Amino acid sequence: MSKPPFGFGPPDPDRRGDNDPSEQPSGAEAFNQLGQMLSQLGQMLSQAGSSSGPVNYDLAKQIALQNLSGSDDGKIGFASGTGDSSTAVRDAAHLAELWLDAATILPAGANTTVAWSARTWVEKTLPTWQRLCDPVAQQVSGAWMQALPEEAKQAAGPLLSMMGQMGGMAFGSQLGNALAQLAQEVLTSTEVGLPLGPANTSALLPANIEKFTEGLEVPSSEVLVFLAAREAAHQRLFAHVPWLRQRLLATVEEFARGITVDTSALESLAGQIDPSNPASIEEAMSSGLLEPKTTPEQESALKRLETLLALVEGWVDVVVAEAIGDRLPGAGALRETLRRRRATGGPAEQTFATLVGLELRPRRMRAASSLWKLVGDRHGIDKRDGLWSHPDLMPTAEDLDEPLDFADRLSDTPVLGDDFDPIAELEKTEKREAAESGSASASSASSSDSDSESGSGSDAKPDSDSSQDKGDHPTS
């Protein structure tokens, strides 16, 4: 599931044709691409000092919006139908929420449902991308700085700051182009498995859904309702499981912070670079010498993230299937299509892997779906959904291997309610133990006192007897 972030890796053999000179554009297309490159270069130079972080997000946003200009400004999907896209999205979401109420104990999580264009998606999700990309860019750029000898650092002086700005511009440019591509493919705000958009907001992208529907033999209205149900189910989890959003994003951050680059490879890299040939720099960067090394800590974070993503996607899959039931004739085909889309990944997930170094592909989603279905059938939706009340109750990776054993153990395990407060419960336990300890101490003290009193009486009796003996036997 992990890939080198920001293009620091060997070329992809599946995409080798992308750089094939025989397939390069010519004529007017080449001039158009050259114009775009020069325009982006001008933007990078004008934005050089606008950001002090590892990624120039102002530049990223500007490039992404420019790439998307005119793509869906006037039409955001389903324009041929009656009414506008926003109304169609709200109606589909309202119907989906009604059906979901009977399939889960979690109430509606979205306060509003909106139709986004690709440009709006970029603007609304950029704050979350900043949280995800900063640790990656910091680690990658920091490796270059750490690799420089102290003499070089002292000699460079102010140039180091300029190098940092240039690195932020490079990352920002790549992020902007990647977000523009991703924005034209995602169907909902939660499709990649992470809560990228604002909290309590369901968002669908009708223009992208319309393109997605073109290859299916399912009415567009059914596709819209089905995707609205998936988005609403995700929002119910993220809104009413307080720890879930933070844990997902924090695990991605933990993985990113563990990225390390073998700085000794810089010596080999330097030997491959010809200052008179700019192309040699790109070839050296993509040679794999700077490919980050996966650490045991990253492997652990990766496993936890993969399991949690599978559990989220599996739960959504089961709940939506139960909510829709036979209401939509094409629901089964749509369910399988989205399963394959999530399992195999597409250009959107490849873009995400390029940005963050992770392929957010829940490979075990089918196993998680089977587990949630089994738990629901055996114990009911109350106990199934109650497992989300605390992270310690959640199934583990091992449980996905043996769902029957997990369901059997669950029969004897009480499920904590939504009002469960682990700190308060701990304090109650401590007070109860202290009270029991105090009661035991008091009981022991009372027993000791009674023994002492009885012991004093028995001791007094022999004394009286001895005095009596003394009285019976006169002294001589």
Protein backbone atom coordinates (compact mmCIF):
# COMPACT_ATOMS: atom_id res chain seq x y z
CA MET A 1 0.00 0.00 0.00
CA SER A 2 2.97 2.38 0.22
CA LYS A 3 4.63 4.20 -2.66
CA PRO A 4 7.38 6.84 -2.80
CA PRO A 5 5.75 10.26 -2.28
CA PHE A 6 6.08 13.27 -4.59
CA GLY A 7 7.52 11.16 -7.42
CA PHE A 8 10.65 10.00 -5.57
CA GLY A 9 10.79 6.54 -7.07
CA PRO A 10 11.58 4.49 -10.15
CA PRO A 11 9.41 4.98 -13.22
CA ASP A 12 6.19 3.01 -13.44
CA PRO A 13 6.54 0.31 -16.12
CA ASP A 14 2.78 0.40 -16.70
CA ARG A 15 3.03 4.05 -17.66
CA ARG A 16 6.22 3.80 -19.69
CA GLY A 17 4.39 4.90 -22.80
CA ASP A 18 3.65 8.24 -21.20
CA ASN A 19 7.27 9.28 -21.77
CA ASP A 20 7.70 7.55 -25.10
CA PRO A 21 9.01 10.15 -27.59
CA SER A 22 7.01 8.51 -30.36
CA GLU A 23 3.83 9.30 -28.47
CA GLN A 24 4.70 12.88 -27.55
CA PRO A 25 2.37 15.59 -28.91
CA SER A 26 3.43 17.67 -31.85
CA GLY A 27 2.42 20.87 -33.55
CA ALA A 28 -0.25 22.96 -31.86
CA GLU A 29 -0.52 20.59 -28.88
CA ALA A 30 3.19 20.94 -28.16
CA PHE A 31 2.93 24.75 -28.22
CA ASN A 32 -0.08 24.61 -25.92
CA GLN A 33 1.80 22.44 -23.44
CA LEU A 34 4.82 24.74 -23.66
CA GLY A 35 2.56 27.68 -22.92
CA GLN A 36 1.12 25.93 -19.89
CA MET A 37 4.61 25.07 -18.64
CA LEU A 38 5.79 28.67 -19.00
CA SER A 39 2.62 29.90 -17.30
CA GLN A 40 3.16 27.55 -14.36
CA LEU A 41 6.82 28.59 -14.17
CA GLY A 42 5.76 32.22 -13.98
CA GLN A 43 3.29 31.38 -11.22
CA MET A 44 5.98 29.50 -9.29
CA LEU A 45 8.38 32.43 -9.49
CA SER A 46 5.72 34.96 -8.51
CA GLN A 47 4.67 32.79 -5.56
CA ALA A 48 8.21 32.00 -4.39
CA GLY A 49 8.01 34.03 -1.21
CA SER A 50 4.35 33.53 -0.40
CA SER A 51 4.80 30.42 1.73
CA SER A 52 7.37 29.47 4.33
CA GLY A 53 6.19 25.87 4.81
CA PRO A 54 7.40 22.71 3.09
CA VAL A 55 4.66 23.02 0.44
CA ASN A 56 3.50 26.20 -1.25
CA TYR A 57 -0.26 25.67 -0.96
CA ASP A 58 -1.14 29.03 -2.50
CA LEU A 59 0.66 27.93 -5.63
CA ALA A 60 -0.94 24.47 -5.47
CA LYS A 61 -4.42 25.98 -5.31
CA GLN A 62 -3.70 28.44 -8.10
CA ILE A 63 -2.37 25.75 -10.44
CA ALA A 64 -5.23 23.36 -9.66
CA LEU A 65 -7.91 25.96 -10.29
CA GLN A 66 -6.22 27.10 -13.48
CA ASN A 67 -6.13 23.53 -14.79
CA LEU A 68 -9.82 23.20 -14.01
CA SER A 69 -10.89 26.57 -15.40
CA GLY A 70 -13.82 26.18 -17.74
CA SER A 71 -14.09 22.43 -17.15
CA ASP A 72 -17.34 22.49 -15.18
CA ASP A 73 -18.09 26.10 -14.30
CA GLY A 74 -21.26 26.32 -16.31
CA LYS A 75 -22.50 22.78 -15.87
CA ILE A 76 -21.95 20.48 -12.92
CA GLY A 77 -23.86 17.47 -14.18
CA PHE A 78 -27.35 16.19 -14.99
CA ALA A 79 -28.15 19.40 -16.85
CA SER A 80 -30.42 17.57 -19.28
CA GLY A 81 -32.79 16.49 -16.51
CA THR A 82 -35.54 18.52 -14.92
CA GLY A 83 -34.30 20.92 -12.29
CA ASP A 84 -30.74 21.75 -11.36
CA SER A 85 -28.02 19.46 -9.99
CA SER A 86 -28.20 20.82 -6.46
CA THR A 87 -31.87 19.93 -6.19
CA ALA A 88 -31.26 16.44 -7.56
CA VAL A 89 -28.44 15.88 -5.05
CA ARG A 90 -30.52 17.07 -2.10
CA ASP A 91 -33.48 14.91 -3.11
CA ALA A 92 -31.27 11.84 -3.51
CA ALA A 93 -29.61 12.48 -0.14
CA HIS A 94 -32.97 12.93 1.59
CA LEU A 95 -34.23 9.62 0.22
CA ALA A 96 -30.98 7.88 1.15
CA GLU A 97 -31.12 9.18 4.73
CA LEU A 98 -34.66 7.84 5.15
CA TRP A 99 -33.57 4.39 4.03
CA LEU A 100 -30.44 4.44 6.20
CA ASP A 101 -32.46 5.17 9.36
CA ALA A 102 -33.73 1.58 9.34
CA ALA A 103 -30.32 0.04 8.68
CA THR A 104 -28.19 1.59 11.44
CA ILE A 105 -28.55 3.03 14.93
CA LEU A 106 -26.25 5.93 14.02
CA PRO A 107 -28.33 9.03 13.25
CA ALA A 108 -27.78 11.29 10.27
CA GLY A 109 -24.37 12.91 10.40
CA ALA A 110 -24.63 15.61 7.74
CA ASN A 111 -26.31 18.91 8.46
CA THR A 112 -26.25 19.84 4.79
CA THR A 113 -25.87 18.11 1.43
CA VAL A 114 -24.29 20.02 -1.43
CA ALA A 115 -23.32 19.57 -5.06
CA TRP A 116 -19.70 20.45 -5.69
CA SER A 117 -17.87 21.27 -8.87
CA ALA A 118 -14.30 20.08 -9.26
CA ARG A 119 -13.04 23.57 -8.40
CA THR A 120 -15.13 23.64 -5.22
CA TRP A 121 -13.75 20.22 -4.25
CA VAL A 122 -10.20 21.59 -4.47
CA GLU A 123 -11.03 24.61 -2.33
CA LYS A 124 -12.94 22.67 0.33
CA THR A 125 -10.51 19.77 0.71
CA LEU A 126 -7.23 21.70 0.57
CA PRO A 127 -7.01 22.18 4.39
CA THR A 128 -7.07 18.41 4.90
CA TRP A 129 -4.53 17.88 2.11
CA GLN A 130 -2.27 20.33 3.90
CA ARG A 131 -2.43 18.20 7.04
CA LEU A 132 -1.63 15.05 5.05
CA CYS A 133 1.11 16.41 2.81
CA ASP A 134 3.09 18.54 5.28
CA PRO A 135 4.72 15.60 7.13
CA VAL A 136 5.73 13.97 3.84
CA ALA A 137 7.24 17.14 2.39
CA GLN A 138 9.03 17.93 5.67
CA GLN A 139 10.67 14.52 5.75
CA VAL A 140 11.69 14.54 2.09
CA SER A 141 13.04 18.10 2.09
CA GLY A 142 14.66 17.60 5.50
CA ALA A 143 16.64 14.66 4.15
CA TRP A 144 18.37 16.95 1.67
CA MET A 145 19.27 19.47 4.34
CA GLN A 146 20.59 16.82 6.73
CA ALA A 147 22.72 15.31 3.98
CA LEU A 148 24.68 18.50 3.44
CA PRO A 149 28.02 18.71 5.26
CA GLU A 150 28.32 21.44 7.87
CA GLU A 151 30.86 23.28 5.72
CA ALA A 152 28.41 23.35 2.85
CA LYS A 153 25.61 24.58 5.09
CA GLN A 154 27.78 27.44 6.37
CA ALA A 155 28.93 28.33 2.88
CA ALA A 156 25.41 28.23 1.48
CA GLY A 157 24.02 30.57 4.12
CA PRO A 158 20.95 32.37 2.76
CA LEU A 159 20.83 29.97 -0.17
CA LEU A 160 19.41 27.30 2.13
CA SER A 161 16.31 29.41 2.64
CA MET A 162 16.01 29.86 -1.09
CA MET A 163 16.37 26.10 -1.57
CA GLY A 164 13.55 25.56 0.91
CA GLN A 165 11.34 27.98 -1.01
CA MET A 166 12.18 26.28 -4.29
CA GLY A 167 11.34 22.91 -2.75
CA GLY A 168 8.01 24.28 -1.50
CA MET A 169 7.30 25.58 -5.00
CA ALA A 170 8.14 22.23 -6.58
CA PHE A 171 5.93 20.33 -4.15
CA GLY A 172 3.17 22.91 -4.56
CA SER A 173 3.28 22.62 -8.33
CA GLN A 174 3.05 18.83 -8.21
CA LEU A 175 0.26 18.98 -5.63
CA GLY A 176 -1.73 21.44 -7.74
CA ASN A 177 -1.53 19.29 -10.87
CA ALA A 178 -2.40 16.15 -8.93
CA LEU A 179 -5.40 17.75 -7.20
CA ALA A 180 -6.72 18.96 -10.54
CA GLN A 181 -6.60 15.39 -11.87
CA LEU A 182 -8.15 13.95 -8.73
CA ALA A 183 -10.93 16.56 -8.69
CA GLN A 184 -12.12 15.39 -12.09
CA GLU A 185 -12.50 11.77 -10.96
CA VAL A 186 -13.80 11.61 -7.37
CA LEU A 187 -17.55 11.05 -6.98
CA THR A 188 -18.05 12.08 -3.33
CA SER A 189 -16.07 13.85 -0.62
CA THR A 190 -15.29 10.56 1.18
CA GLU A 191 -14.51 8.33 -1.81
CA VAL A 192 -10.82 7.89 -0.96
CA GLY A 193 -11.85 6.63 2.49
CA LEU A 194 -10.77 9.74 4.40
CA PRO A 195 -12.92 12.67 5.56
CA LEU A 196 -11.40 15.24 3.22
CA GLY A 197 -14.21 17.79 3.33
CA PRO A 198 -15.69 19.91 6.12
CA ALA A 199 -17.33 18.09 9.01
CA ASN A 200 -21.06 17.33 8.85
CA THR A 201 -21.24 18.09 5.13
CA SER A 202 -22.21 15.52 2.51
CA ALA A 203 -20.90 16.44 -0.91
CA LEU A 204 -21.37 14.83 -4.31
CA LEU A 205 -19.79 15.84 -7.61
CA PRO A 206 -22.58 15.52 -10.23
CA ALA A 207 -20.36 16.19 -13.26
CA ASN A 208 -18.03 13.33 -12.31
CA ILE A 209 -20.99 11.09 -11.44
CA GLU A 210 -22.46 11.78 -14.85
CA LYS A 211 -19.25 10.66 -16.55
CA PHE A 212 -19.13 7.60 -14.29
CA THR A 213 -22.72 6.70 -15.22
CA GLU A 214 -22.01 6.77 -18.96
CA GLY A 215 -20.30 3.38 -18.83
CA LEU A 216 -23.03 1.69 -16.80
CA GLU A 217 -26.36 0.18 -17.76
CA VAL A 218 -28.03 1.77 -14.74
CA PRO A 219 -30.25 4.87 -14.72
CA SER A 220 -28.47 8.00 -13.55
CA SER A 221 -31.10 8.54 -10.84
CA GLU A 222 -30.27 5.17 -9.26
CA VAL A 223 -26.55 5.89 -9.40
CA LEU A 224 -27.08 9.25 -7.70
CA VAL A 225 -29.18 7.77 -4.88
CA PHE A 226 -26.74 4.90 -4.36
CA LEU A 227 -23.73 7.24 -4.11
CA ALA A 228 -25.69 9.60 -1.87
CA ALA A 229 -26.38 6.68 0.47
CA ARG A 230 -22.67 5.80 0.62
CA GLU A 231 -21.73 9.40 1.32
CA ALA A 232 -24.42 9.68 4.02
CA ALA A 233 -23.25 6.43 5.65
CA HIS A 234 -19.68 7.70 5.77
CA GLN A 235 -20.85 10.96 7.32
CA ARG A 236 -22.79 9.08 10.01
CA LEU A 237 -19.62 7.29 11.04
CA PHE A 238 -17.41 10.37 10.99
CA ALA A 239 -19.96 12.48 12.87
CA HIS A 240 -20.96 10.03 15.62
CA VAL A 241 -17.71 8.11 16.15
CA PRO A 242 -15.59 10.90 17.66
CA TRP A 243 -12.29 9.05 17.57
CA LEU A 244 -12.53 7.84 13.95
CA ARG A 245 -11.70 11.00 11.98
CA GLN A 246 -8.75 11.84 14.20
CA ARG A 247 -7.38 8.30 14.19
CA LEU A 248 -7.52 7.94 10.40
CA LEU A 249 -5.74 11.22 9.73
CA ALA A 250 -3.27 10.72 12.59
CA THR A 251 -2.30 7.28 11.27
CA VAL A 252 -1.57 8.74 7.84
CA GLU A 253 0.51 11.44 9.53
CA GLU A 254 2.34 8.83 11.59
CA PHE A 255 3.24 6.92 8.45
CA ALA A 256 4.42 10.09 6.71
CA ARG A 257 6.61 11.18 9.62
CA GLY A 258 8.40 7.85 9.49
CA ILE A 259 9.67 8.43 5.95
CA THR A 260 13.45 8.22 5.78
CA VAL A 261 15.75 8.74 2.83
CA ASP A 262 19.10 7.03 2.50
CA THR A 263 21.32 10.09 2.34
CA SER A 264 24.33 7.98 1.39
CA ALA A 265 22.67 7.54 -1.98
CA LEU A 266 23.20 11.24 -2.63
CA GLU A 267 26.83 10.52 -3.49
CA SER A 268 25.76 8.07 -6.17
CA LEU A 269 23.13 10.52 -7.30
CA ALA A 270 25.66 13.30 -7.68
CA GLY A 271 27.70 11.15 -10.02
CA GLN A 272 24.73 10.70 -12.34
CA ILE A 273 23.95 14.39 -12.72
CA ASP A 274 25.42 16.35 -15.61
CA PRO A 275 25.05 20.08 -14.88
CA SER A 276 24.97 20.80 -18.62
CA ASN A 277 22.06 18.37 -19.13
CA PRO A 278 18.90 19.28 -17.14
CA ALA A 279 17.27 16.01 -18.18
CA SER A 280 19.87 14.09 -16.17
CA ILE A 281 18.50 15.65 -12.97
CA GLU A 282 15.01 14.30 -13.65
CA GLU A 283 16.40 10.89 -14.58
CA ALA A 284 18.44 10.74 -11.37
CA MET A 285 15.46 11.79 -9.24
CA SER A 286 13.30 9.02 -10.74
CA SER A 287 16.03 6.37 -10.61
CA GLY A 288 14.90 5.11 -7.21
CA LEU A 289 18.07 6.04 -5.33
CA LEU A 290 16.12 8.44 -3.14
CA GLU A 291 13.20 6.08 -2.67
CA PRO A 292 12.17 6.25 1.01
CA LYS A 293 12.84 3.17 3.11
CA THR A 294 9.94 1.61 5.00
CA THR A 295 10.58 1.30 8.74
CA PRO A 296 8.98 -1.16 11.20
CA GLU A 297 7.04 1.74 12.70
CA GLN A 298 5.65 2.56 9.27
CA GLU A 299 4.71 -1.06 8.69
CA SER A 300 2.77 -1.03 11.95
CA ALA A 301 0.99 2.21 11.06
CA LEU A 302 0.29 0.87 7.59
CA LYS A 303 -1.31 -2.28 8.96
CA ARG A 304 -3.50 -0.32 11.37
CA LEU A 305 -4.54 2.10 8.63
CA GLU A 306 -5.33 -0.70 6.19
CA THR A 307 -7.45 -2.51 8.78
CA LEU A 308 -9.34 0.63 9.84
CA LEU A 309 -10.02 1.64 6.23
CA ALA A 310 -11.29 -1.86 5.48
CA LEU A 311 -13.59 -1.75 8.51
CA VAL A 312 -14.99 1.64 7.48
CA GLU A 313 -15.54 0.61 3.87
CA GLY A 314 -16.91 -2.79 4.86
CA TRP A 315 -19.40 -1.26 7.29
CA VAL A 316 -20.57 1.29 4.71
CA ASP A 317 -20.90 -1.48 2.12
CA VAL A 318 -23.08 -3.63 4.39
CA VAL A 319 -25.24 -0.80 5.76
CA VAL A 320 -25.94 0.68 2.34
CA ALA A 321 -26.80 -2.75 0.92
CA GLU A 322 -29.25 -3.37 3.78
CA ALA A 323 -30.73 0.11 3.53
CA ILE A 324 -31.34 -0.03 -0.19
CA GLY A 325 -32.30 -3.69 -0.38
CA ASP A 326 -34.51 -4.27 -3.40
CA ARG A 327 -35.49 -0.63 -3.70
CA LEU A 328 -33.00 -0.03 -6.51
CA PRO A 329 -32.88 -2.77 -9.19
CA GLY A 330 -29.32 -1.90 -10.16
CA ALA A 331 -27.97 -1.70 -6.59
CA GLY A 332 -26.20 -5.07 -6.79
CA ALA A 333 -24.33 -4.16 -9.96
CA LEU A 334 -23.40 -0.74 -8.55
CA ARG A 335 -22.16 -2.32 -5.34
CA GLU A 336 -19.86 -4.67 -7.22
CA THR A 337 -18.65 -1.90 -9.54
CA LEU A 338 -17.66 0.32 -6.63
CA ARG A 339 -16.02 -2.63 -4.88
CA ARG A 340 -13.82 -3.23 -7.90
CA ARG A 341 -13.15 0.50 -8.24
CA ARG A 342 -11.93 0.65 -4.63
CA ALA A 343 -10.06 -2.65 -4.77
CA THR A 344 -8.16 -2.12 -8.01
CA GLY A 345 -7.68 1.61 -7.74
CA GLY A 346 -7.70 4.08 -10.57
CA PRO A 347 -5.93 7.25 -11.61
CA ALA A 348 -7.37 9.02 -8.56
CA GLU A 349 -5.77 6.60 -6.11
CA GLN A 350 -2.52 6.66 -8.07
CA THR A 351 -2.52 10.42 -7.66
CA PHE A 352 -3.10 10.10 -3.92
CA ALA A 353 -0.24 7.60 -3.68
CA THR A 354 2.02 10.05 -5.49
CA LEU A 355 1.15 12.84 -3.05
CA VAL A 356 1.22 11.05 0.29
CA GLY A 357 3.15 7.87 -0.47
CA LEU A 358 0.15 5.67 0.36
CA GLU A 359 -2.24 3.61 -1.71
CA LEU A 360 -5.47 3.94 0.25
CA ARG A 361 -6.77 0.65 -1.05
CA PRO A 362 -8.65 -1.43 1.51
CA ARG A 363 -7.56 -4.81 0.19
CA ARG A 364 -9.53 -6.57 2.93
CA MET A 365 -12.80 -4.77 2.39
CA ARG A 366 -14.62 -7.97 1.39
CA ALA A 367 -13.44 -9.68 4.58
CA ALA A 368 -14.59 -6.69 6.62
CA SER A 369 -17.97 -6.72 4.87
CA SER A 370 -18.39 -10.40 5.69
CA LEU A 371 -17.52 -9.74 9.35
CA TRP A 372 -20.00 -6.87 9.73
CA LYS A 373 -22.71 -8.88 7.98
CA LEU A 374 -22.10 -11.86 10.28
CA VAL A 375 -22.16 -9.73 13.44
CA GLY A 376 -25.35 -8.00 12.34
CA ASP A 377 -27.12 -11.25 11.50
CA ARG A 378 -26.13 -12.88 14.81
CA HIS A 379 -26.36 -10.02 17.26
CA GLY A 380 -28.43 -7.31 15.57
CA ILE A 381 -27.55 -3.83 14.36
CA ASP A 382 -27.50 -2.38 17.89
CA LYS A 383 -24.58 -4.52 18.95
CA ARG A 384 -22.92 -4.29 15.53
CA ASP A 385 -22.94 -0.49 15.47
CA GLY A 386 -22.21 -0.27 19.20
CA LEU A 387 -18.72 -1.60 18.51
CA TRP A 388 -17.84 1.82 17.09
CA SER A 389 -18.37 3.39 20.54
CA HIS A 390 -14.77 2.70 21.55
CA PRO A 391 -11.66 1.80 19.52
CA ASP A 392 -10.78 -1.05 21.87
CA LEU A 393 -13.96 -2.86 20.84
CA MET A 394 -13.18 -2.79 17.13
CA PRO A 395 -12.21 -5.96 15.23
CA THR A 396 -8.49 -6.41 14.57
CA ALA A 397 -6.64 -7.65 11.51
CA GLU A 398 -6.63 -11.10 13.07
CA ASP A 399 -10.41 -10.92 13.52
CA LEU A 400 -10.79 -10.35 9.80
CA ASP A 401 -9.09 -13.71 9.30
CA GLU A 402 -11.45 -15.47 11.74
CA PRO A 403 -14.79 -13.61 11.74
CA LEU A 404 -16.64 -16.57 13.28
CA ASP A 405 -14.38 -16.53 16.33
CA PHE A 406 -14.96 -12.79 16.72
CA ALA A 407 -18.74 -13.24 16.52
CA ASP A 408 -18.57 -16.02 19.11
CA ARG A 409 -16.53 -13.90 21.52
CA LEU A 410 -18.91 -11.02 21.02
CA SER A 411 -21.72 -13.06 22.53
CA ASP A 412 -20.09 -12.76 25.96
CA THR A 413 -18.78 -9.22 25.56
CA PRO A 414 -20.92 -6.28 26.68
CA VAL A 415 -21.01 -3.38 24.26
CA LEU A 416 -20.38 0.09 25.68
CA GLY A 417 -22.99 2.76 25.08
CA ASP A 418 -22.52 6.11 23.37
CA ASP A 419 -22.28 7.84 26.77
CA PHE A 420 -19.37 5.67 27.88
CA ASP A 421 -16.56 7.75 29.39
CA PRO A 422 -13.43 5.66 29.99
CA ILE A 423 -11.91 8.23 32.37
CA ALA A 424 -15.08 8.40 34.46
CA GLU A 425 -15.30 4.61 34.53
CA LEU A 426 -11.67 4.41 35.63
CA GLU A 427 -12.32 6.88 38.44
CA LYS A 428 -15.37 4.89 39.54
CA THR A 429 -13.32 1.72 39.60
CA GLU A 430 -10.57 3.37 41.63
CA LYS A 431 -13.11 4.77 44.14
CA ARG A 432 -14.81 1.40 44.43
CA GLU A 433 -11.51 -0.36 45.01
CA ALA A 434 -10.50 2.28 47.56
CA ALA A 435 -13.82 1.90 49.36
CA GLU A 436 -13.50 -1.86 49.39
CA SER A 437 -9.94 -1.55 50.65
CA GLY A 438 -11.04 0.87 53.37
CA SER A 439 -13.89 -1.42 54.36
CA ALA A 440 -11.51 -4.35 54.57
CA SER A 441 -9.11 -2.30 56.67
CA ALA A 442 -11.91 -1.21 59.01
CA SER A 443 -13.13 -4.78 59.32
CA SER A 444 -9.60 -5.96 60.11
CA ALA A 445 -9.16 -3.20 62.69
CA SER A 446 -12.49 -4.02 64.30
CA SER A 447 -11.56 -7.67 64.50
CA SER A 448 -8.23 -6.76 66.03
CA ASP A 449 -9.90 -4.53 68.64
CA SER A 450 -12.36 -7.25 69.63
CA ASP A 451 -9.53 -9.73 69.94
CA SER A 452 -7.64 -7.25 72.08
CA GLU A 453 -10.61 -6.70 74.36
CA SER A 454 -11.26 -10.40 74.80
CA GLY A 455 -7.58 -10.92 75.39
CA SER A 456 -7.55 -8.27 78.12
CA GLY A 457 -10.48 -9.94 79.94
CA SER A 458 -8.82 -13.33 79.94
CA ASP A 459 -5.64 -11.81 81.20
CA ALA A 460 -7.54 -10.06 84.02
CA LYS A 461 -9.18 -13.24 85.15
CA PRO A 462 -5.97 -15.06 85.99
CA ASP A 463 -4.84 -11.95 87.82
CA SER A 464 -7.97 -12.05 90.00
CA ASP A 465 -7.55 -15.74 90.44
CA SER A 466 -4.01 -15.24 91.50
CA SER A 467 -5.08 -12.60 93.99
CA GLN A 468 -7.75 -14.94 95.22
CA ASP A 469 -5.15 -17.62 95.60
CA LYS A 470 -3.07 -15.21 97.52
CA GLY A 471 -6.03 -14.59 99.84
CA ASP A 472 -6.70 -18.33 100.35
CA HIS A 473 -3.17 -19.02 101.36
CA PRO A 474 -2.11 -16.87 104.32
CA THR A 475 1.42 -15.81 104.48
CA SER A 476 3.52 -17.49 107.01
